[in-house]
């Protein structure tokens, strides 16, 4: 449960910080950001394993870098379901996917250090 909460925090923090940096990422309200985090978490839990399995040959050829593309697709799918947030396209989603992975590792490191 703690791991899911850390992922949720990293998703919310990343999308919020990117909305401050990039003008093309637009968030209408804090509640929309929280809903986007929940939707993205759900999409990652349900669809991501299936897409990673389908794209396994490409992921092996690129030594795992194709997983960032799959993560960007997950962000774009979640963006489609939450109409009050606009991620601004594939490149912004790809940058968000990369930063979400970085924040996940940072938060996981902090959680292990506090235990």
PDB file of N, CA and C in Angstrom:
ATOM      1  N   UNK A   1       0.819  -1.186   0.000  1.00  0.00           N
ATOM      2  CA  UNK A   1       0.000   0.000   0.000  1.00  0.00           C
ATOM      3  C   UNK A   1       0.868   1.256   0.000  1.00  0.00           C
ATOM      4  N   UNK A   2       1.982   1.192   0.731  1.00  0.00           N
ATOM      5  CA  UNK A   2       2.887   2.326   0.795  1.00  0.00           C
ATOM      6  C   UNK A   2       3.524   2.599  -0.570  1.00  0.00           C
ATOM      7  N   UNK A   3       3.804   1.531  -1.299  1.00  0.00           N
ATOM      8  CA  UNK A   3       4.411   1.662  -2.619  1.00  0.00           C
ATOM      9  C   UNK A   3       3.452   2.345  -3.599  1.00  0.00           C
ATOM     10  N   UNK A   4       2.171   1.977  -3.547  1.00  0.00           N
ATOM     11  CA  UNK A   4       1.180   2.628  -4.412  1.00  0.00           C
ATOM     12  C   UNK A   4       1.026   4.100  -4.066  1.00  0.00           C
ATOM     13  N   UNK A   5       1.061   4.420  -2.784  1.00  0.00           N
ATOM     14  CA  UNK A   5       0.948   5.813  -2.371  1.00  0.00           C
ATOM     15  C   UNK A   5       2.150   6.625  -2.845  1.00  0.00           C
ATOM     16  N   UNK A   6       3.340   6.030  -2.811  1.00  0.00           N
ATOM     17  CA  UNK A   6       4.530   6.713  -3.308  1.00  0.00           C
ATOM     18  C   UNK A   6       4.439   6.951  -4.810  1.00  0.00           C
ATOM     19  N   UNK A   7       3.916   5.968  -5.538  1.00  0.00           N
ATOM     20  CA  UNK A   7       3.716   6.156  -6.980  1.00  0.00           C
ATOM     21  C   UNK A   7       2.706   7.268  -7.242  1.00  0.00           C
ATOM     22  N   UNK A   8       1.638   7.288  -6.447  1.00  0.00           N
ATOM     23  CA  UNK A   8       0.614   8.320  -6.592  1.00  0.00           C
ATOM     24  C   UNK A   8       1.211   9.705  -6.340  1.00  0.00           C
ATOM     25  N   UNK A   9       2.021   9.820  -5.305  1.00  0.00           N
ATOM     26  CA  UNK A   9       2.672  11.102  -5.007  1.00  0.00           C
ATOM     27  C   UNK A   9       3.613  11.532  -6.121  1.00  0.00           C
ATOM     28  N   UNK A  10       4.357  10.587  -6.673  1.00  0.00           N
ATOM     29  CA  UNK A  10       5.288  10.940  -7.742  1.00  0.00           C
ATOM     30  C   UNK A  10       4.543  11.373  -9.002  1.00  0.00           C
ATOM     31  N   UNK A  11       3.404  10.760  -9.284  1.00  0.00           N
ATOM     32  CA  UNK A  11       2.599  11.154 -10.442  1.00  0.00           C
ATOM     33  C   UNK A  11       2.079  12.577 -10.260  1.00  0.00           C
ATOM     34  N   UNK A  12       1.514  12.837  -9.098  1.00  0.00           N
ATOM     35  CA  UNK A  12       0.951  14.166  -8.839  1.00  0.00           C
ATOM     36  C   UNK A  12       2.043  15.237  -8.859  1.00  0.00           C
ATOM     37  N   UNK A  13       3.157  14.970  -8.202  1.00  0.00           N
ATOM     38  CA  UNK A  13       4.243  15.947  -8.148  1.00  0.00           C
ATOM     39  C   UNK A  13       4.795  16.235  -9.535  1.00  0.00           C
ATOM     40  N   UNK A  14       4.973  15.207 -10.329  1.00  0.00           N
ATOM     41  CA  UNK A  14       5.523  15.391 -11.670  1.00  0.00           C
ATOM     42  C   UNK A  14       4.600  16.205 -12.552  1.00  0.00           C
ATOM     43  N   UNK A  15       3.336  15.854 -12.579  1.00  0.00           N
ATOM     44  CA  UNK A  15       2.406  16.577 -13.441  1.00  0.00           C
ATOM     45  C   UNK A  15       2.290  18.034 -12.994  1.00  0.00           C
ATOM     46  N   UNK A  16       2.262  18.266 -11.690  1.00  0.00           N
ATOM     47  CA  UNK A  16       2.173  19.646 -11.203  1.00  0.00           C
ATOM     48  C   UNK A  16       3.421  20.449 -11.562  1.00  0.00           C
ATOM     49  N   UNK A  17       4.594  19.872 -11.322  1.00  0.00           N
ATOM     50  CA  UNK A  17       5.832  20.584 -11.638  1.00  0.00           C
ATOM     51  C   UNK A  17       5.980  20.838 -13.131  1.00  0.00           C
ATOM     52  N   UNK A  18       5.586  19.875 -13.940  1.00  0.00           N
ATOM     53  CA  UNK A  18       5.669  20.085 -15.382  1.00  0.00           C
ATOM     54  C   UNK A  18       4.682  21.134 -15.865  1.00  0.00           C
ATOM     55  N   UNK A  19       3.536  21.256 -15.180  1.00  0.00           N
ATOM     56  CA  UNK A  19       2.588  22.301 -15.565  1.00  0.00           C
ATOM     57  C   UNK A  19       3.142  23.687 -15.249  1.00  0.00           C
ATOM     58  N   UNK A  20       4.041  23.761 -14.279  1.00  0.00           N
ATOM     59  CA  UNK A  20       4.690  25.035 -13.986  1.00  0.00           C
ATOM     60  C   UNK A  20       5.778  25.375 -15.006  1.00  0.00           C
ATOM     61  N   UNK A  21       6.421  24.350 -15.547  1.00  0.00           N
ATOM     62  CA  UNK A  21       7.535  24.562 -16.471  1.00  0.00           C
ATOM     63  C   UNK A  21       7.052  24.737 -17.911  1.00  0.00           C
ATOM     64  N   UNK A  22       6.143  23.877 -18.358  1.00  0.00           N
ATOM     65  CA  UNK A  22       5.673  23.905 -19.741  1.00  0.00           C
ATOM     66  C   UNK A  22       4.309  24.575 -19.816  1.00  0.00           C
ATOM     67  N   UNK A  23       4.184  25.560 -20.667  1.00  0.00           N
ATOM     68  CA  UNK A  23       2.901  26.258 -20.814  1.00  0.00           C
ATOM     69  C   UNK A  23       1.861  25.398 -21.521  1.00  0.00           C
ATOM     70  N   UNK A  24       2.279  24.358 -22.236  1.00  0.00           N
ATOM     71  CA  UNK A  24       1.328  23.523 -22.971  1.00  0.00           C
ATOM     72  C   UNK A  24       0.616  22.500 -22.081  1.00  0.00           C
ATOM     73  N   UNK A  25       1.092  22.301 -20.852  1.00  0.00           N
ATOM     74  CA  UNK A  25       0.417  21.416 -19.899  1.00  0.00           C
ATOM     75  C   UNK A  25      -0.489  22.279 -19.041  1.00  0.00           C
ATOM     76  N   UNK A  26      -1.786  21.986 -19.110  1.00  0.00           N
ATOM     77  CA  UNK A  26      -2.762  22.828 -18.430  1.00  0.00           C
ATOM     78  C   UNK A  26      -3.575  21.998 -17.433  1.00  0.00           C
ATOM     79  N   UNK A  27      -3.643  22.485 -16.188  1.00  0.00           N
ATOM     80  CA  UNK A  27      -4.427  21.848 -15.129  1.00  0.00           C
ATOM     81  C   UNK A  27      -5.476  22.853 -14.671  1.00  0.00           C
ATOM     82  N   UNK A  28      -6.744  22.444 -14.681  1.00  0.00           N
ATOM     83  CA  UNK A  28      -7.816  23.353 -14.276  1.00  0.00           C
ATOM     84  C   UNK A  28      -7.906  23.537 -12.761  1.00  0.00           C
ATOM     85  N   UNK A  29      -7.723  22.457 -11.988  1.00  0.00           N
ATOM     86  CA  UNK A  29      -7.877  22.558 -10.541  1.00  0.00           C
ATOM     87  C   UNK A  29      -7.051  21.475  -9.848  1.00  0.00           C
ATOM     88  N   UNK A  30      -6.927  21.625  -8.555  1.00  0.00           N
ATOM     89  CA  UNK A  30      -6.215  20.627  -7.759  1.00  0.00           C
ATOM     90  C   UNK A  30      -6.963  19.297  -7.767  1.00  0.00           C
ATOM     91  N   UNK A  31      -8.289  19.360  -7.737  1.00  0.00           N
ATOM     92  CA  UNK A  31      -9.064  18.114  -7.766  1.00  0.00           C
ATOM     93  C   UNK A  31      -8.856  17.381  -9.083  1.00  0.00           C
ATOM     94  N   UNK A  32      -8.707  18.122 -10.180  1.00  0.00           N
ATOM     95  CA  UNK A  32      -8.422  17.488 -11.472  1.00  0.00           C
ATOM     96  C   UNK A  32      -7.064  16.797 -11.441  1.00  0.00           C
ATOM     97  N   UNK A  33      -6.097  17.409 -10.767  1.00  0.00           N
ATOM     98  CA  UNK A  33      -4.776  16.804 -10.635  1.00  0.00           C
ATOM     99  C   UNK A  33      -4.840  15.517  -9.818  1.00  0.00           C
ATOM    100  N   UNK A  34      -5.610  15.531  -8.731  1.00  0.00           N
ATOM    101  CA  UNK A  34      -5.759  14.326  -7.905  1.00  0.00           C
ATOM    102  C   UNK A  34      -6.474  13.216  -8.666  1.00  0.00           C
ATOM    103  N   UNK A  35      -7.490  13.577  -9.445  1.00  0.00           N
ATOM    104  CA  UNK A  35      -8.202  12.591 -10.258  1.00  0.00           C
ATOM    105  C   UNK A  35      -7.279  12.030 -11.334  1.00  0.00           C
ATOM    106  N   UNK A  36      -6.475  12.896 -11.954  1.00  0.00           N
ATOM    107  CA  UNK A  36      -5.523  12.441 -12.970  1.00  0.00           C
ATOM    108  C   UNK A  36      -4.548  11.436 -12.373  1.00  0.00           C
ATOM    109  N   UNK A  37      -4.102  11.698 -11.148  1.00  0.00           N
ATOM    110  CA  UNK A  37      -3.200  10.758 -10.485  1.00  0.00           C
ATOM    111  C   UNK A  37      -3.848   9.404 -10.270  1.00  0.00           C
ATOM    112  N   UNK A  38      -5.104   9.404  -9.850  1.00  0.00           N
ATOM    113  CA  UNK A  38      -5.819   8.131  -9.636  1.00  0.00           C
ATOM    114  C   UNK A  38      -6.063   7.400 -10.950  1.00  0.00           C
ATOM    115  N   UNK A  39      -6.451   8.143 -11.980  1.00  0.00           N
ATOM    116  CA  UNK A  39      -6.709   7.516 -13.281  1.00  0.00           C
ATOM    117  C   UNK A  39      -5.418   6.936 -13.849  1.00  0.00           C
ATOM    118  N   UNK A  40      -4.336   7.691 -13.758  1.00  0.00           N
ATOM    119  CA  UNK A  40      -3.056   7.190 -14.271  1.00  0.00           C
ATOM    120  C   UNK A  40      -2.576   5.985 -13.477  1.00  0.00           C
ATOM    121  N   UNK A  41      -2.784   5.990 -12.185  1.00  0.00           N
ATOM    122  CA  UNK A  41      -2.422   4.836 -11.375  1.00  0.00           C
ATOM    123  C   UNK A  41      -3.235   3.610 -11.785  1.00  0.00           C
ATOM    124  N   UNK A  42      -4.539   3.803 -12.008  1.00  0.00           N
ATOM    125  CA  UNK A  42      -5.387   2.696 -12.458  1.00  0.00           C
ATOM    126  C   UNK A  42      -5.012   2.186 -13.837  1.00  0.00           C
ATOM    127  N   UNK A  43      -4.722   3.091 -14.749  1.00  0.00           N
ATOM    128  CA  UNK A  43      -4.322   2.689 -16.104  1.00  0.00           C
ATOM    129  C   UNK A  43      -2.999   1.931 -16.047  1.00  0.00           C
ATOM    130  N   UNK A  44      -2.083   2.403 -15.200  1.00  0.00           N
ATOM    131  CA  UNK A  44      -0.802   1.706 -15.061  1.00  0.00           C
ATOM    132  C   UNK A  44      -0.979   0.302 -14.481  1.00  0.00           C
ATOM    133  N   UNK A  45      -1.931   0.139 -13.576  1.00  0.00           N
ATOM    134  CA  UNK A  45      -2.144  -1.179 -12.978  1.00  0.00           C
ATOM    135  C   UNK A  45      -2.857  -2.139 -13.920  1.00  0.00           C
ATOM    136  N   UNK A  46      -3.745  -1.619 -14.763  1.00  0.00           N
ATOM    137  CA  UNK A  46      -4.550  -2.488 -15.625  1.00  0.00           C
ATOM    138  C   UNK A  46      -3.957  -2.694 -17.021  1.00  0.00           C
ATOM    139  N   UNK A  47      -3.606  -1.617 -17.703  1.00  0.00           N
ATOM    140  CA  UNK A  47      -3.199  -1.729 -19.101  1.00  0.00           C
ATOM    141  C   UNK A  47      -1.696  -1.875 -19.322  1.00  0.00           C
ATOM    142  N   UNK A  48      -0.907  -1.293 -18.454  1.00  0.00           N
ATOM    143  CA  UNK A  48       0.532  -1.284 -18.669  1.00  0.00           C
ATOM    144  C   UNK A  48       1.149  -2.680 -18.757  1.00  0.00           C
ATOM    145  N   UNK A  49       0.790  -3.633 -17.885  1.00  0.00           N
ATOM    146  CA  UNK A  49       1.390  -4.971 -18.026  1.00  0.00           C
ATOM    147  C   UNK A  49       1.070  -5.626 -19.368  1.00  0.00           C
ATOM    148  N   UNK A  50      -0.136  -5.401 -19.872  1.00  0.00           N
ATOM    149  CA  UNK A  50      -0.513  -5.977 -21.155  1.00  0.00           C
ATOM    150  C   UNK A  50       0.299  -5.360 -22.279  1.00  0.00           C
ATOM    151  N   UNK A  51       0.427  -4.032 -22.278  1.00  0.00           N
ATOM    152  CA  UNK A  51       1.205  -3.368 -23.323  1.00  0.00           C
ATOM    153  C   UNK A  51       2.687  -3.693 -23.237  1.00  0.00           C
ATOM    154  N   UNK A  52       3.203  -3.839 -22.026  1.00  0.00           N
ATOM    155  CA  UNK A  52       4.606  -4.224 -21.889  1.00  0.00           C
ATOM    156  C   UNK A  52       4.851  -5.622 -22.429  1.00  0.00           C
ATOM    157  N   UNK A  53       3.898  -6.508 -22.253  1.00  0.00           N
ATOM    158  CA  UNK A  53       4.034  -7.857 -22.787  1.00  0.00           C
ATOM    159  C   UNK A  53       3.965  -7.860 -24.310  1.00  0.00           C
ATOM    160  N   UNK A  54       3.068  -7.062 -24.860  1.00  0.00           N
ATOM    161  CA  UNK A  54       2.937  -6.979 -26.319  1.00  0.00           C
ATOM    162  C   UNK A  54       4.193  -6.370 -26.946  1.00  0.00           C
ATOM    163  N   UNK A  55       4.762  -5.373 -26.282  1.00  0.00           N
ATOM    164  CA  UNK A  55       5.929  -4.682 -26.833  1.00  0.00           C
ATOM    165  C   UNK A  55       7.253  -5.235 -26.310  1.00  0.00           C
ATOM    166  N   UNK A  56       7.231  -6.426 -25.756  1.00  0.00           N
ATOM    167  CA  UNK A  56       8.446  -7.027 -25.205  1.00  0.00           C
ATOM    168  C   UNK A  56       9.574  -7.147 -26.234  1.00  0.00           C
ATOM    169  N   UNK A  57       9.307  -7.581 -27.470  1.00  0.00           N
ATOM    170  CA  UNK A  57      10.420  -7.644 -28.438  1.00  0.00           C
ATOM    171  C   UNK A  57      11.085  -6.282 -28.680  1.00  0.00           C
ATOM    172  N   UNK A  58      10.295  -5.229 -28.790  1.00  0.00           N
ATOM    173  CA  UNK A  58      10.874  -3.894 -28.977  1.00  0.00           C
ATOM    174  C   UNK A  58      11.639  -3.443 -27.738  1.00  0.00           C
ATOM    175  N   UNK A  59      11.125  -3.787 -26.590  1.00  0.00           N
ATOM    176  CA  UNK A  59      11.808  -3.426 -25.354  1.00  0.00           C
ATOM    177  C   UNK A  59      13.146  -4.149 -25.235  1.00  0.00           C
ATOM    178  N   UNK A  60      13.190  -5.390 -25.657  1.00  0.00           N
ATOM    179  CA  UNK A  60      14.452  -6.134 -25.632  1.00  0.00           C
ATOM    180  C   UNK A  60      15.451  -5.559 -26.625  1.00  0.00           C
ATOM    181  N   UNK A  61      14.975  -5.160 -27.805  1.00  0.00           N
ATOM    182  CA  UNK A  61      15.866  -4.575 -28.809  1.00  0.00           C
ATOM    183  C   UNK A  61      16.443  -3.236 -28.369  1.00  0.00           C
ATOM    184  N   UNK A  62      15.667  -2.483 -27.619  1.00  0.00           N
ATOM    185  CA  UNK A  62      16.122  -1.164 -27.180  1.00  0.00           C
ATOM    186  C   UNK A  62      16.684  -1.182 -25.758  1.00  0.00           C
ATOM    187  N   UNK A  63      16.891  -2.363 -25.219  1.00  0.00           N
ATOM    188  CA  UNK A  63      17.431  -2.554 -23.874  1.00  0.00           C
ATOM    189  C   UNK A  63      16.573  -1.881 -22.801  1.00  0.00           C
ATOM    190  N   UNK A  64      15.266  -1.946 -22.986  1.00  0.00           N
ATOM    191  CA  UNK A  64      14.328  -1.454 -21.990  1.00  0.00           C
ATOM    192  C   UNK A  64      13.895  -0.009 -22.162  1.00  0.00           C
ATOM    193  N   UNK A  65      14.496   0.712 -23.093  1.00  0.00           N
ATOM    194  CA  UNK A  65      14.135   2.123 -23.273  1.00  0.00           C
ATOM    195  C   UNK A  65      12.743   2.307 -23.866  1.00  0.00           C
ATOM    196  N   UNK A  66      12.228   1.288 -24.539  1.00  0.00           N
ATOM    197  CA  UNK A  66      10.893   1.397 -25.115  1.00  0.00           C
ATOM    198  C   UNK A  66       9.824   1.470 -24.027  1.00  0.00           C
ATOM    199  N   UNK A  67      10.167   1.077 -22.814  1.00  0.00           N
ATOM    200  CA  UNK A  67       9.194   1.169 -21.718  1.00  0.00           C
ATOM    201  C   UNK A  67       8.820   2.620 -21.424  1.00  0.00           C
ATOM    202  N   UNK A  68       9.718   3.572 -21.733  1.00  0.00           N
ATOM    203  CA  UNK A  68       9.361   4.982 -21.582  1.00  0.00           C
ATOM    204  C   UNK A  68       8.271   5.380 -22.572  1.00  0.00           C
ATOM    205  N   UNK A  69       8.301   4.797 -23.759  1.00  0.00           N
ATOM    206  CA  UNK A  69       7.259   5.054 -24.757  1.00  0.00           C
ATOM    207  C   UNK A  69       5.924   4.512 -24.251  1.00  0.00           C
ATOM    208  N   UNK A  70       5.957   3.321 -23.675  1.00  0.00           N
ATOM    209  CA  UNK A  70       4.730   2.731 -23.115  1.00  0.00           C
ATOM    210  C   UNK A  70       4.210   3.589 -21.974  1.00  0.00           C
ATOM    211  N   UNK A  71       5.104   4.096 -21.134  1.00  0.00           N
ATOM    212  CA  UNK A  71       4.687   4.983 -20.045  1.00  0.00           C
ATOM    213  C   UNK A  71       4.059   6.264 -20.586  1.00  0.00           C
ATOM    214  N   UNK A  72       4.620   6.803 -21.658  1.00  0.00           N
ATOM    215  CA  UNK A  72       4.044   8.007 -22.274  1.00  0.00           C
ATOM    216  C   UNK A  72       2.657   7.706 -22.830  1.00  0.00           C
ATOM    217  N   UNK A  73       2.476   6.517 -23.405  1.00  0.00           N
ATOM    218  CA  UNK A  73       1.142   6.125 -23.892  1.00  0.00           C
ATOM    219  C   UNK A  73       0.150   6.054 -22.739  1.00  0.00           C
ATOM    220  N   UNK A  74       0.594   5.544 -21.590  1.00  0.00           N
ATOM    221  CA  UNK A  74      -0.290   5.460 -20.423  1.00  0.00           C
ATOM    222  C   UNK A  74      -0.718   6.855 -19.968  1.00  0.00           C
ATOM    223  N   UNK A  75       0.210   7.796 -19.998  1.00  0.00           N
ATOM    224  CA  UNK A  75      -0.123   9.169 -19.621  1.00  0.00           C
ATOM    225  C   UNK A  75      -1.108   9.769 -20.619  1.00  0.00           C
ATOM    226  N   UNK A  76      -0.917   9.480 -21.898  1.00  0.00           N
ATOM    227  CA  UNK A  76      -1.835  10.010 -22.910  1.00  0.00           C
ATOM    228  C   UNK A  76      -3.225   9.385 -22.779  1.00  0.00           C
ATOM    229  N   UNK A  77      -3.294   8.106 -22.409  1.00  0.00           N
ATOM    230  CA  UNK A  77      -4.593   7.456 -22.197  1.00  0.00           C
ATOM    231  C   UNK A  77      -5.295   8.068 -21.000  1.00  0.00           C
ATOM    232  N   UNK A  78      -4.561   8.265 -19.905  1.00  0.00           N
ATOM    233  CA  UNK A  78      -5.153   8.891 -18.713  1.00  0.00           C
ATOM    234  C   UNK A  78      -5.572  10.328 -19.017  1.00  0.00           C
ATOM    235  N   UNK A  79      -4.793  11.031 -19.819  1.00  0.00           N
ATOM    236  CA  UNK A  79      -5.138  12.396 -20.216  1.00  0.00           C
ATOM    237  C   UNK A  79      -6.436  12.426 -21.009  1.00  0.00           C
ATOM    238  N   UNK A  80      -6.667  11.395 -21.774  1.00  0.00           N
ATOM    239  CA  UNK A  80      -7.905  11.302 -22.554  1.00  0.00           C
ATOM    240  C   UNK A  80      -9.126  11.155 -21.639  1.00  0.00           C
ATOM    241  N   UNK A  81      -8.975  10.443 -20.538  1.00  0.00           N
ATOM    242  CA  UNK A  81     -10.098  10.224 -19.626  1.00  0.00           C
ATOM    243  C   UNK A  81     -10.385  11.421 -18.718  1.00  0.00           C
ATOM    244  N   UNK A  82      -9.393  12.235 -18.431  1.00  0.00           N
ATOM    245  CA  UNK A  82      -9.570  13.404 -17.563  1.00  0.00           C
ATOM    246  C   UNK A  82      -9.580  14.637 -18.461  1.00  0.00           C
ATOM    247  N   UNK A  83     -10.757  15.183 -18.678  1.00  0.00           N
ATOM    248  CA  UNK A  83     -10.894  16.266 -19.656  1.00  0.00           C
ATOM    249  C   UNK A  83     -10.405  17.614 -19.126  1.00  0.00           C
ATOM    250  N   UNK A  84     -10.234  17.764 -17.827  1.00  0.00           N
ATOM    251  CA  UNK A  84      -9.831  19.054 -17.273  1.00  0.00           C
ATOM    252  C   UNK A  84      -8.312  19.221 -17.204  1.00  0.00           C
ATOM    253  N   UNK A  85      -7.579  18.231 -17.699  1.00  0.00           N
ATOM    254  CA  UNK A  85      -6.121  18.328 -17.786  1.00  0.00           C
ATOM    255  C   UNK A  85      -5.726  18.078 -19.230  1.00  0.00           C
ATOM    256  N   UNK A  86      -4.816  18.904 -19.733  1.00  0.00           N
ATOM    257  CA  UNK A  86      -4.301  18.739 -21.084  1.00  0.00           C
ATOM    258  C   UNK A  86      -2.785  18.615 -20.995  1.00  0.00           C
ATOM    259  N   UNK A  87      -2.261  17.468 -21.365  1.00  0.00           N
ATOM    260  CA  UNK A  87      -0.824  17.231 -21.279  1.00  0.00           C
ATOM    261  C   UNK A  87      -0.057  17.825 -22.455  1.00  0.00           C
ATOM    262  N   UNK A  88      -0.717  18.164 -23.513  1.00  0.00           N
ATOM    263  CA  UNK A  88      -0.058  18.868 -24.595  1.00  0.00           C
ATOM    264  C   UNK A  88       0.700  18.003 -25.590  1.00  0.00           C
ATOM    265  N   UNK A  89       0.416  16.726 -25.659  1.00  0.00           N
ATOM    266  CA  UNK A  89       1.007  15.896 -26.697  1.00  0.00           C
ATOM    267  C   UNK A  89       1.975  14.842 -26.199  1.00  0.00           C
ATOM    268  N   UNK A  90       2.574  14.156 -27.173  1.00  0.00           N
ATOM    269  CA  UNK A  90       3.419  13.007 -26.877  1.00  0.00           C
ATOM    270  C   UNK A  90       4.722  13.409 -26.202  1.00  0.00           C
ATOM    271  N   UNK A  91       5.356  14.481 -26.660  1.00  0.00           N
ATOM    272  CA  UNK A  91       6.652  14.859 -26.097  1.00  0.00           C
ATOM    273  C   UNK A  91       6.533  15.226 -24.620  1.00  0.00           C
ATOM    274  N   UNK A  92       5.514  15.977 -24.272  1.00  0.00           N
ATOM    275  CA  UNK A  92       5.294  16.306 -22.858  1.00  0.00           C
ATOM    276  C   UNK A  92       4.998  15.056 -22.047  1.00  0.00           C
ATOM    277  N   UNK A  93       4.242  14.121 -22.621  1.00  0.00           N
ATOM    278  CA  UNK A  93       3.950  12.864 -21.925  1.00  0.00           C
ATOM    279  C   UNK A  93       5.213  12.038 -21.740  1.00  0.00           C
ATOM    280  N   UNK A  94       6.092  12.057 -22.726  1.00  0.00           N
ATOM    281  CA  UNK A  94       7.346  11.315 -22.621  1.00  0.00           C
ATOM    282  C   UNK A  94       8.249  11.914 -21.539  1.00  0.00           C
ATOM    283  N   UNK A  95       8.315  13.230 -21.478  1.00  0.00           N
ATOM    284  CA  UNK A  95       9.102  13.892 -20.429  1.00  0.00           C
ATOM    285  C   UNK A  95       8.500  13.581 -19.060  1.00  0.00           C
ATOM    286  N   UNK A  96       7.170  13.623 -18.974  1.00  0.00           N
ATOM    287  CA  UNK A  96       6.498  13.302 -17.708  1.00  0.00           C
ATOM    288  C   UNK A  96       6.781  11.861 -17.304  1.00  0.00           C
ATOM    289  N   UNK A  97       6.763  10.935 -18.251  1.00  0.00           N
ATOM    290  CA  UNK A  97       7.036   9.529 -17.939  1.00  0.00           C
ATOM    291  C   UNK A  97       8.441   9.366 -17.376  1.00  0.00           C
ATOM    292  N   UNK A  98       9.399  10.058 -17.968  1.00  0.00           N
ATOM    293  CA  UNK A  98      10.774   9.962 -17.496  1.00  0.00           C
ATOM    294  C   UNK A  98      10.909  10.525 -16.082  1.00  0.00           C
ATOM    295  N   UNK A  99      10.285  11.663 -15.824  1.00  0.00           N
ATOM    296  CA  UNK A  99      10.404  12.295 -14.507  1.00  0.00           C
ATOM    297  C   UNK A  99       9.622  11.509 -13.450  1.00  0.00           C
ATOM    298  N   UNK A 100       8.499  10.899 -13.833  1.00  0.00           N
ATOM    299  CA  UNK A 100       7.761  10.059 -12.892  1.00  0.00           C
ATOM    300  C   UNK A 100       8.614   8.880 -12.441  1.00  0.00           C
ATOM    301  N   UNK A 101       9.349   8.280 -13.366  1.00  0.00           N
ATOM    302  CA  UNK A 101      10.240   7.169 -13.004  1.00  0.00           C
ATOM    303  C   UNK A 101      11.327   7.658 -12.045  1.00  0.00           C
ATOM    304  N   UNK A 102      11.882   8.836 -12.320  1.00  0.00           N
ATOM    305  CA  UNK A 102      12.900   9.383 -11.418  1.00  0.00           C
ATOM    306  C   UNK A 102      12.334   9.641 -10.020  1.00  0.00           C
ATOM    307  N   UNK A 103      11.144  10.252  -9.961  1.00  0.00           N
ATOM    308  CA  UNK A 103      10.527  10.511  -8.662  1.00  0.00           C
ATOM    309  C   UNK A 103      10.172   9.215  -7.940  1.00  0.00           C
ATOM    310  N   UNK A 104       9.735   8.191  -8.668  1.00  0.00           N
ATOM    311  CA  UNK A 104       9.451   6.897  -8.042  1.00  0.00           C
ATOM    312  C   UNK A 104      10.696   6.356  -7.346  1.00  0.00           C
ATOM    313  N   UNK A 105      11.828   6.445  -8.031  1.00  0.00           N
ATOM    314  CA  UNK A 105      13.068   5.954  -7.433  1.00  0.00           C
ATOM    315  C   UNK A 105      13.498   6.813  -6.242  1.00  0.00           C
ATOM    316  N   UNK A 106      13.306   8.119  -6.339  1.00  0.00           N
ATOM    317  CA  UNK A 106      13.637   8.998  -5.216  1.00  0.00           C
ATOM    318  C   UNK A 106      12.770   8.700  -3.999  1.00  0.00           C
ATOM    319  N   UNK A 107      11.457   8.596  -4.218  1.00  0.00           N
ATOM    320  CA  UNK A 107      10.546   8.331  -3.108  1.00  0.00           C
ATOM    321  C   UNK A 107      10.766   6.937  -2.519  1.00  0.00           C
ATOM    322  N   UNK A 108      11.088   5.973  -3.369  1.00  0.00           N
ATOM    323  CA  UNK A 108      11.365   4.624  -2.868  1.00  0.00           C
ATOM    324  C   UNK A 108      12.626   4.620  -2.021  1.00  0.00           C
ATOM    325  N   UNK A 109      13.617   5.385  -2.420  1.00  0.00           N
ATOM    326  CA  UNK A 109      14.853   5.498  -1.634  1.00  0.00           C
ATOM    327  C   UNK A 109      14.608   6.161  -0.292  1.00  0.00           C
ATOM    328  N   UNK A 110      13.750   7.185  -0.298  1.00  0.00           N
ATOM    329  CA  UNK A 110      13.427   7.855   0.974  1.00  0.00           C
ATOM    330  C   UNK A 110      12.623   6.938   1.879  1.00  0.00           C
ATOM    331  N   UNK A 111      11.727   6.150   1.307  1.00  0.00           N
ATOM    332  CA  UNK A 111      10.917   5.239   2.115  1.00  0.00           C
ATOM    333  C   UNK A 111      11.784   4.158   2.748  1.00  0.00           C
ATOM    334  N   UNK A 112      12.786   3.659   1.997  1.00  0.00           N
ATOM    335  CA  UNK A 112      13.674   2.635   2.556  1.00  0.00           C
ATOM    336  C   UNK A 112      14.581   3.223   3.632  1.00  0.00           C
ATOM    337  N   UNK A 113      14.983   4.471   3.454  1.00  0.00           N
ATOM    338  CA  UNK A 113      15.872   5.106   4.435  1.00  0.00           C
ATOM    339  C   UNK A 113      15.144   5.397   5.739  1.00  0.00           C
ATOM    340  N   UNK A 114      13.840   5.656   5.669  1.00  0.00           N
ATOM    341  CA  UNK A 114      13.083   5.986   6.881  1.00  0.00           C
ATOM    342  C   UNK A 114      12.690   4.746   7.676  1.00  0.00           C
ATOM    343  N   UNK A 115      12.743   3.575   7.076  1.00  0.00           N
ATOM    344  CA  UNK A 115      12.339   2.348   7.782  1.00  0.00           C
ATOM    345  C   UNK A 115      13.396   1.837   8.705  1.00  0.00           C
TER     346      UNK A 115
END
